C-alpha atoms as a PDB file:
ATOM      1  CA  MET A   1      69.799  24.882 -18.181  1.00  0.00           C
ATOM      2  CA  SER A   2      72.725  25.452 -20.619  1.00  0.00           C
ATOM      3  CA  LYS A   3      75.413  22.854 -20.844  1.00  0.00           C
ATOM      4  CA  HIS A   4      77.911  25.525 -19.657  1.00  0.00           C
ATOM      5  CA  SER A   5      75.872  26.268 -16.538  1.00  0.00           C
ATOM      6  CA  SER A   6      76.941  25.083 -13.104  1.00  0.00           C
ATOM      7  CA  PRO A   7      74.384  23.081 -11.073  1.00  0.00           C
ATOM      8  CA  GLY A   8      72.521  25.170  -8.466  1.00  0.00           C
ATOM      9  CA  HIS A   9      73.121  28.481 -10.354  1.00  0.00           C
ATOM     10  CA  SER A  10      70.643  30.218 -12.657  1.00  0.00           C
ATOM     11  CA  GLN A  11      71.694  31.647 -16.017  1.00  0.00           C
ATOM     12  CA  LEU A  12      72.814  35.289 -16.116  1.00  0.00           C
ATOM     13  CA  THR A  13      70.275  37.754 -17.407  1.00  0.00           C
ATOM     14  CA  ARG A  14      71.110  40.292 -20.065  1.00  0.00           C
ATOM     15  CA  ALA A  15      71.179  42.982 -17.422  1.00  0.00           C
ATOM     16  CA  HIS A  16      73.693  40.971 -15.398  1.00  0.00           C
ATOM     17  CA  LYS A  17      75.915  40.572 -18.438  1.00  0.00           C
ATOM     18  CA  PHE A  18      75.857  44.298 -19.179  1.00  0.00           C
ATOM     19  CA  SER A  19      76.634  45.038 -15.552  1.00  0.00           C
ATOM     20  CA  MET A  20      79.611  42.711 -15.471  1.00  0.00           C
ATOM     21  CA  ALA A  21      80.910  44.066 -18.774  1.00  0.00           C
ATOM     22  CA  GLY A  22      80.678  47.591 -17.450  1.00  0.00           C
ATOM     23  CA  VAL A  23      82.477  46.681 -14.268  1.00  0.00           C
ATOM     24  CA  ALA A  24      85.281  44.972 -16.221  1.00  0.00           C
ATOM     25  CA  ALA A  25      85.688  47.938 -18.557  1.00  0.00           C
ATOM     26  CA  LEU A  26      85.755  50.450 -15.766  1.00  0.00           C
ATOM     27  CA  GLY A  27      88.169  48.265 -13.818  1.00  0.00           C
ATOM     28  CA  ALA A  28      90.547  48.231 -16.773  1.00  0.00           C
ATOM     29  CA  ALA A  29      90.275  51.998 -17.145  1.00  0.00           C
ATOM     30  CA  ALA A  30      91.024  52.462 -13.473  1.00  0.00           C
ATOM     31  CA  LEU A  31      94.105  50.289 -13.763  1.00  0.00           C
ATOM     32  CA  ALA A  32      95.316  52.319 -16.745  1.00  0.00           C
ATOM     33  CA  VAL A  33      94.836  55.590 -14.942  1.00  0.00           C
ATOM     34  CA  THR A  34      96.815  54.463 -11.924  1.00  0.00           C
ATOM     35  CA  LEU A  35      99.806  53.867 -14.203  1.00  0.00           C
ATOM     36  CA  ILE A  36      99.840  57.535 -15.410  1.00  0.00           C
ATOM     37  CA  PRO A  37     102.266  59.678 -13.285  1.00  0.00           C
ATOM     38  CA  GLY A  38     101.258  62.968 -11.809  1.00  0.00           C
ATOM     39  CA  HIS A  39      97.617  62.106 -11.093  1.00  0.00           C
ATOM     40  CA  ASP A  40      95.800  61.876  -7.741  1.00  0.00           C
ATOM     41  CA  THR A  41      95.421  58.142  -7.117  1.00  0.00           C
ATOM     42  CA  GLN A  42      92.692  58.500  -4.482  1.00  0.00           C
ATOM     43  CA  ALA A  43      90.497  60.708  -6.666  1.00  0.00           C
ATOM     44  CA  GLN A  44      90.797  58.324  -9.564  1.00  0.00           C
ATOM     45  CA  ALA A  45      89.912  55.372  -7.373  1.00  0.00           C
ATOM     46  CA  GLU A  46      86.836  57.144  -6.076  1.00  0.00           C
ATOM     47  CA  THR A  47      85.767  58.015  -9.634  1.00  0.00           C
ATOM     48  CA  VAL A  48      86.275  54.513 -10.935  1.00  0.00           C
ATOM     49  CA  SER A  49      84.669  52.769  -7.951  1.00  0.00           C
ATOM     50  CA  ALA A  50      81.562  54.976  -7.981  1.00  0.00           C
ATOM     51  CA  ALA A  51      80.508  54.173 -11.549  1.00  0.00           C
ATOM     52  CA  PRO A  52      80.007  50.410 -11.230  1.00  0.00           C
ATOM     53  CA  VAL A  53      77.964  50.839  -8.048  1.00  0.00           C
ATOM     54  CA  ALA A  54      75.529  53.140  -9.783  1.00  0.00           C
ATOM     55  CA  PHE A  55      75.240  50.792 -12.783  1.00  0.00           C
ATOM     56  CA  THR A  56      74.701  47.713 -10.641  1.00  0.00           C
ATOM     57  CA  THR A  57      72.018  49.427  -8.513  1.00  0.00           C
ATOM     58  CA  ASP A  58      69.879  50.206 -11.590  1.00  0.00           C
ATOM     59  CA  ALA A  59      69.945  46.548 -12.705  1.00  0.00           C
ATOM     60  CA  GLY A  60      69.023  45.354  -9.193  1.00  0.00           C
ATOM     61  CA  ALA A  61      66.093  47.759  -9.040  1.00  0.00           C
ATOM     62  CA  GLN A  62      64.728  46.323 -12.275  1.00  0.00           C
ATOM     63  CA  GLN A  63      65.136  42.797 -10.894  1.00  0.00           C
ATOM     64  CA  ILE A  64      63.257  43.762  -7.776  1.00  0.00           C
ATOM     65  CA  LYS A  65      60.476  45.227  -9.875  1.00  0.00           C
ATOM     66  CA  ASP A  66      60.359  42.060 -11.965  1.00  0.00           C
ATOM     67  CA  VAL A  67      60.241  39.849  -8.883  1.00  0.00           C
ATOM     68  CA  HIS A  68      57.576  42.041  -7.314  1.00  0.00           C
ATOM     69  CA  ALA A  69      55.489  41.813 -10.472  1.00  0.00           C
ATOM     70  CA  SER A  70      55.933  38.027 -10.558  1.00  0.00           C
ATOM     71  CA  VAL A  71      54.898  37.686  -6.914  1.00  0.00           C
ATOM     72  CA  THR A  72      51.907  39.923  -7.536  1.00  0.00           C
ATOM     73  CA  ASP A  73      50.864  37.768 -10.503  1.00  0.00           C
ATOM     74  CA  GLN A  74      51.266  34.607  -8.442  1.00  0.00           C
ATOM     75  CA  GLN A  75      49.229  36.079  -5.623  1.00  0.00           C
ATOM     76  CA  ALA A  76      46.500  37.099  -8.062  1.00  0.00           C
ATOM     77  CA  THR A  77      46.505  33.617  -9.596  1.00  0.00           C
ATOM     78  CA  ALA A  78      46.326  31.988  -6.152  1.00  0.00           C
ATOM     79  CA  SER A  79      43.486  34.308  -5.184  1.00  0.00           C
ATOM     80  CA  GLU A  80      41.544  33.398  -8.326  1.00  0.00           C
ATOM     81  CA  LYS A  81      42.125  29.692  -7.685  1.00  0.00           C
ATOM     82  CA  ALA A  82      40.935  30.083  -4.109  1.00  0.00           C
ATOM     83  CA  LYS A  83      37.805  31.891  -5.279  1.00  0.00           C
ATOM     84  CA  ALA A  84      37.149  29.196  -7.881  1.00  0.00           C
ATOM     85  CA  ALA A  85      37.599  26.440  -5.282  1.00  0.00           C
ATOM     86  CA  ALA A  86      35.271  28.237  -2.866  1.00  0.00           C
ATOM     87  CA  ALA A  87      32.663  28.688  -5.602  1.00  0.00           C
ATOM     88  CA  LYS A  88      32.932  25.008  -6.547  1.00  0.00           C
ATOM     89  CA  LEU A  89      32.531  23.914  -2.925  1.00  0.00           C
ATOM     90  CA  LYS A  90      29.537  26.197  -2.498  1.00  0.00           C
ATOM     91  CA  ALA A  91      27.933  24.810  -5.649  1.00  0.00           C
ATOM     92  CA  GLN A  92      28.520  21.239  -4.437  1.00  0.00           C
ATOM     93  CA  GLN A  93      27.027  22.051  -1.051  1.00  0.00           C
ATOM     94  CA  GLU A  94      23.996  23.697  -2.641  1.00  0.00           C
ATOM     95  CA  ALA A  95      23.541  20.725  -4.990  1.00  0.00           C
ATOM     96  CA  ALA A  96      23.768  18.295  -2.052  1.00  0.00           C
ATOM     97  CA  ALA A  97      21.258  20.338  -0.054  1.00  0.00           C
ATOM     98  CA  LYS A  98      18.933  20.476  -3.033  1.00  0.00           C
ATOM     99  CA  ALA A  99      19.219  16.716  -3.570  1.00  0.00           C
ATOM    100  CA  GLU A 100      18.507  16.064   0.113  1.00  0.00           C
ATOM    101  CA  ALA A 101      15.496  18.375   0.022  1.00  0.00           C
ATOM    102  CA  GLN A 102      14.189  16.607  -3.088  1.00  0.00           C
ATOM    103  CA  LYS A 103      14.716  13.217  -1.452  1.00  0.00           C
ATOM    104  CA  LYS A 104      12.785  14.353   1.613  1.00  0.00           C
ATOM    105  CA  ALA A 105       9.996  15.782  -0.544  1.00  0.00           C
ATOM    106  CA  ASP A 106       9.776  12.530  -2.530  1.00  0.00           C
ATOM    107  CA  ALA A 107       9.599  10.482   0.679  1.00  0.00           C
ATOM    108  CA  GLU A 108       6.849  12.712   2.061  1.00  0.00           C
ATOM    109  CA  ALA A 109       4.926  12.522  -1.207  1.00  0.00           C
ATOM    110  CA  LYS A 110       5.249   8.727  -1.232  1.00  0.00           C
ATOM    111  CA  ALA A 111       4.082   8.450   2.367  1.00  0.00           C
ATOM    112  CA  LYS A 112       1.154  10.751   1.630  1.00  0.00           C
ATOM    113  CA  ALA A 113       0.178   8.734  -1.446  1.00  0.00           C
ATOM    114  CA  GLU A 114       0.371   5.474   0.496  1.00  0.00           C
ATOM    115  CA  ALA A 115      -1.730   6.925   3.313  1.00  0.00           C
ATOM    116  CA  GLU A 116      -4.320   8.178   0.835  1.00  0.00           C
ATOM    117  CA  ALA A 117      -4.377   4.813  -0.944  1.00  0.00           C
ATOM    118  CA  LYS A 118      -4.829   3.005   2.376  1.00  0.00           C
ATOM    119  CA  ALA A 119      -7.601   5.359   3.434  1.00  0.00           C
ATOM    120  CA  LYS A 120      -9.300   4.911   0.066  1.00  0.00           C
ATOM    121  CA  LYS A 121      -9.087   1.130   0.325  1.00  0.00           C
ATOM    122  CA  GLU A 122     -10.533   1.166   3.828  1.00  0.00           C
ATOM    123  CA  ARG A 123     -13.296   3.537   2.722  1.00  0.00           C
ATOM    124  CA  GLU A 124     -14.150   1.307  -0.242  1.00  0.00           C
ATOM    125  CA  ALA A 125     -14.211  -1.755   2.016  1.00  0.00           C
ATOM    126  CA  GLN A 126     -16.555   0.001   4.407  1.00  0.00           C
ATOM    127  CA  GLU A 127     -18.784   1.088   1.553  1.00  0.00           C
ATOM    128  CA  ALA A 128     -18.827  -2.444   0.150  1.00  0.00           C
ATOM    129  CA  ALA A 129     -19.726  -3.824   3.572  1.00  0.00           C
ATOM    130  CA  SER A 130     -22.487  -1.253   3.883  1.00  0.00           C
ATOM    131  CA  ARG A 131     -23.842  -2.175   0.458  1.00  0.00           C
ATOM    132  CA  ALA A 132     -23.674  -5.862   1.307  1.00  0.00           C
ATOM    133  CA  ALA A 133     -25.489  -5.236   4.568  1.00  0.00           C
ATOM    134  CA  ALA A 134     -28.086  -3.228   2.725  1.00  0.00           C
ATOM    135  CA  ARG A 135     -28.568  -6.025   0.210  1.00  0.00           C
ATOM    136  CA  LYS A 136     -28.693  -8.748   2.851  1.00  0.00           C
ATOM    137  CA  PRO A 137     -32.269  -9.958   3.066  1.00  0.00           C
ATOM    138  CA  VAL A 138     -34.131  -9.974   6.314  1.00  0.00           C
ATOM    139  CA  TYR A 139     -36.052 -13.179   6.855  1.00  0.00           C
ATOM    140  CA  ALA A 140     -39.183 -13.432   8.892  1.00  0.00           C
ATOM    141  CA  ASN A 141     -38.967 -15.657  11.932  1.00  0.00           C
ATOM    142  CA  ASN A 142     -41.652 -18.019  10.703  1.00  0.00           C
ATOM    143  CA  LEU A 143     -41.998 -20.973   8.378  1.00  0.00           C
ATOM    144  CA  ASP A 144     -42.035 -18.786   5.273  1.00  0.00           C
ATOM    145  CA  GLY A 145     -38.895 -16.969   6.381  1.00  0.00           C
ATOM    146  CA  TRP A 146     -37.137 -20.230   7.337  1.00  0.00           C
ATOM    147  CA  ILE A 147     -37.840 -21.803   3.979  1.00  0.00           C
ATOM    148  CA  LYS A 148     -36.712 -18.708   2.042  1.00  0.00           C
ATOM    149  CA  GLN A 149     -33.491 -18.428   4.046  1.00  0.00           C
ATOM    150  CA  SER A 150     -32.821 -22.158   3.564  1.00  0.00           C
ATOM    151  CA  LEU A 151     -33.350 -21.818  -0.198  1.00  0.00           C
ATOM    152  CA  ASP A 152     -30.769 -19.006  -0.403  1.00  0.00           C
ATOM    153  CA  ILE A 153     -28.231 -21.132   1.493  1.00  0.00           C
ATOM    154  CA  MET A 154     -29.038 -24.187  -0.646  1.00  0.00           C
ATOM    155  CA  LYS A 155     -28.549 -22.127  -3.793  1.00  0.00           C
ATOM    156  CA  ALA A 156     -25.161 -20.883  -2.584  1.00  0.00           C
ATOM    157  CA  LYS A 157     -24.088 -24.452  -1.723  1.00  0.00           C
ATOM    158  CA  GLY A 158     -25.473 -26.049  -4.891  1.00  0.00           C
ATOM    159  CA  ILE A 159     -28.185 -28.067  -3.123  1.00  0.00           C
ATOM    160  CA  PRO A 160     -31.289 -28.534  -5.298  1.00  0.00           C
ATOM    161  CA  GLY A 161     -34.823 -27.918  -4.072  1.00  0.00           C
ATOM    162  CA  THR A 162     -37.789 -25.579  -4.381  1.00  0.00           C
ATOM    163  CA  TYR A 163     -40.048 -23.733  -2.027  1.00  0.00           C
ATOM    164  CA  ASN A 164     -42.936 -26.065  -2.742  1.00  0.00           C
ATOM    165  CA  GLY A 165     -40.790 -29.176  -2.313  1.00  0.00           C
ATOM    166  CA  LEU A 166     -39.627 -28.031   1.105  1.00  0.00           C
ATOM    167  CA  TYR A 167     -43.000 -26.779   2.227  1.00  0.00           C
ATOM    168  CA  SER A 168     -44.911 -29.939   1.328  1.00  0.00           C
ATOM    169  CA  ASN A 169     -42.404 -32.210   3.117  1.00  0.00           C
ATOM    170  CA  ILE A 170     -42.297 -29.972   6.189  1.00  0.00           C
ATOM    171  CA  MET A 171     -46.046 -29.973   6.527  1.00  0.00           C
ATOM    172  CA  ARG A 172     -46.195 -33.776   6.206  1.00  0.00           C
ATOM    173  CA  GLU A 173     -43.363 -34.422   8.651  1.00  0.00           C
ATOM    174  CA  SER A 174     -43.951 -31.830  11.410  1.00  0.00           C
ATOM    175  CA  THR A 175     -46.849 -29.546  10.385  1.00  0.00           C
ATOM    176  CA  GLY A 176     -44.346 -26.678  10.620  1.00  0.00           C
ATOM    177  CA  ASN A 177     -43.317 -27.247  14.242  1.00  0.00           C
ATOM    178  CA  PRO A 178     -39.513 -26.878  14.636  1.00  0.00           C
ATOM    179  CA  ASN A 179     -39.626 -28.599  18.045  1.00  0.00           C
ATOM    180  CA  ALA A 180     -41.504 -31.681  16.847  1.00  0.00           C
ATOM    181  CA  ILE A 181     -40.119 -35.054  18.027  1.00  0.00           C
ATOM    182  CA  ASN A 182     -41.186 -38.530  16.929  1.00  0.00           C
ATOM    183  CA  GLY A 183     -40.947 -40.711  19.991  1.00  0.00           C
ATOM    184  CA  TRP A 184     -42.567 -43.883  18.690  1.00  0.00           C
ATOM    185  CA  ASP A 185     -40.997 -44.904  15.322  1.00  0.00           C
ATOM    186  CA  VAL A 186     -38.048 -47.243  14.805  1.00  0.00           C
ATOM    187  CA  ASN A 187     -35.572 -44.410  15.076  1.00  0.00           C
ATOM    188  CA  ALA A 188     -36.940 -43.512  18.504  1.00  0.00           C
ATOM    189  CA  GLN A 189     -36.798 -47.155  19.510  1.00  0.00           C
ATOM    190  CA  ASN A 190     -33.127 -47.158  18.492  1.00  0.00           C
ATOM    191  CA  GLY A 191     -32.488 -44.103  20.661  1.00  0.00           C
ATOM    192  CA  THR A 192     -32.259 -41.550  17.843  1.00  0.00           C
ATOM    193  CA  PRO A 193     -35.719 -39.979  17.471  1.00  0.00           C
ATOM    194  CA  SER A 194     -36.610 -37.862  14.435  1.00  0.00           C
ATOM    195  CA  ILE A 195     -36.447 -34.153  15.292  1.00  0.00           C
ATOM    196  CA  GLY A 196     -37.445 -30.780  13.822  1.00  0.00           C
ATOM    197  CA  LEU A 197     -39.274 -29.492  10.761  1.00  0.00           C
ATOM    198  CA  LEU A 198     -38.119 -32.306   8.463  1.00  0.00           C
ATOM    199  CA  GLN A 199     -37.773 -34.964  11.193  1.00  0.00           C
ATOM    200  CA  VAL A 200     -34.029 -35.604  10.898  1.00  0.00           C
ATOM    201  CA  ILE A 201     -32.193 -37.957  13.251  1.00  0.00           C
ATOM    202  CA  GLN A 202     -29.009 -36.697  14.911  1.00  0.00           C
ATOM    203  CA  PRO A 203     -26.525 -38.923  13.005  1.00  0.00           C
ATOM    204  CA  THR A 204     -27.980 -37.812   9.656  1.00  0.00           C
ATOM    205  CA  PHE A 205     -27.968 -34.176  10.747  1.00  0.00           C
ATOM    206  CA  ASN A 206     -24.319 -34.451  11.736  1.00  0.00           C
ATOM    207  CA  ALA A 207     -23.355 -36.155   8.472  1.00  0.00           C
ATOM    208  CA  TYR A 208     -25.186 -33.675   6.185  1.00  0.00           C
ATOM    209  CA  HIS A 209     -24.889 -30.501   8.221  1.00  0.00           C
ATOM    210  CA  VAL A 210     -24.387 -27.464   5.968  1.00  0.00           C
ATOM    211  CA  ASP A 211     -21.513 -25.133   6.841  1.00  0.00           C
ATOM    212  CA  GLY A 212     -22.628 -21.695   7.948  1.00  0.00           C
ATOM    213  CA  THR A 213     -25.766 -22.917   9.684  1.00  0.00           C
ATOM    214  CA  SER A 214     -26.350 -23.656  13.347  1.00  0.00           C
ATOM    215  CA  SER A 215     -25.113 -26.935  14.803  1.00  0.00           C
ATOM    216  CA  ASN A 216     -28.355 -27.219  16.755  1.00  0.00           C
ATOM    217  CA  ILE A 217     -30.667 -29.788  15.172  1.00  0.00           C
ATOM    218  CA  TYR A 218     -33.716 -27.828  16.425  1.00  0.00           C
ATOM    219  CA  ASP A 219     -32.682 -24.725  14.497  1.00  0.00           C
ATOM    220  CA  PRO A 220     -35.259 -24.452  11.650  1.00  0.00           C
ATOM    221  CA  VAL A 221     -32.802 -23.391   8.901  1.00  0.00           C
ATOM    222  CA  ALA A 222     -30.107 -25.875   9.950  1.00  0.00           C
ATOM    223  CA  ASN A 223     -32.687 -28.680  10.072  1.00  0.00           C
ATOM    224  CA  ILE A 224     -34.139 -27.849   6.635  1.00  0.00           C
ATOM    225  CA  THR A 225     -30.782 -27.474   4.858  1.00  0.00           C
ATOM    226  CA  ALA A 226     -29.348 -30.686   6.377  1.00  0.00           C
ATOM    227  CA  ALA A 227     -32.477 -32.628   5.368  1.00  0.00           C
ATOM    228  CA  ALA A 228     -32.399 -31.137   1.836  1.00  0.00           C
ATOM    229  CA  ASN A 229     -28.692 -32.009   1.546  1.00  0.00           C
ATOM    230  CA  TYR A 230     -29.436 -35.594   2.605  1.00  0.00           C
ATOM    231  CA  ALA A 231     -32.380 -35.855   0.165  1.00  0.00           C
ATOM    232  CA  ALA A 232     -30.218 -34.521  -2.692  1.00  0.00           C
ATOM    233  CA  ASP A 233     -27.648 -37.227  -1.964  1.00  0.00           C
ATOM    234  CA  LYS A 234     -30.170 -40.053  -1.686  1.00  0.00           C
ATOM    235  CA  TYR A 235     -33.014 -38.988  -4.032  1.00  0.00           C
ATOM    236  CA  GLY A 236     -31.571 -36.234  -6.222  1.00  0.00           C
ATOM    237  CA  SER A 237     -33.661 -33.488  -4.601  1.00  0.00           C
ATOM    238  CA  ILE A 238     -36.055 -32.867  -1.737  1.00  0.00           C
ATOM    239  CA  ASP A 239     -38.639 -32.313  -4.452  1.00  0.00           C
ATOM    240  CA  ASN A 240     -38.484 -36.054  -5.206  1.00  0.00           C
ATOM    241  CA  VAL A 241     -39.451 -37.006  -1.663  1.00  0.00           C
ATOM    242  CA  ASN A 242     -43.179 -37.611  -1.191  1.00  0.00           C
ATOM    243  CA  SER A 243     -43.211 -39.780   1.924  1.00  0.00           C
ATOM    244  CA  ALA A 244     -41.106 -40.807   4.873  1.00  0.00           C
ATOM    245  CA  TYR A 245     -37.509 -40.883   3.840  1.00  0.00           C
END
């Protein structure tokens, strides 16, 4: 705003200035004419007053056109901004939907992978169990089978002894009878008779019982392994026992 402008009023346009100048000039001419005698005052007034009106109307029409053009431009700009905002919002919504879809797909893929991994682990465990069962030896329910099963358990537990060492002591102690009982020796007299294939008394069986075998002293494998465990502790191995022990 110019320093000569009054607050709240816009500066005059060039068209305004021309219009005002024209009005002033015509006003002066009209005043001069009224001072000349012998002329029709009303006709002169009509002539003078008509000119400024026509001049002012042309300037106003241009202003209206300018304002209309400005409003049109503003409307076009607003429309473009609205379209841009709508396009941006649509892009954001599409991006969010895409991200959500990807997140869902990732979660489903993860769940599927975990399920497949679990199924594979279970399948491998079952296969391993099947292989172990297939490899598990089947022992005959006789002296040969009892000795062989006892040897496998002794090996797993680190108890020394051989087939021949076990067999020879079994035959001397019970002749291979798992239900044999000595009712006449000192142990029997003390109330703890020797029992089973290797003639073990109950306190010794309890003290040297091998985990994983039966807790029944008459069980052939439990009796053999407990006796072999006792012999290993006292004599180094059942193979070193050649008489009552």
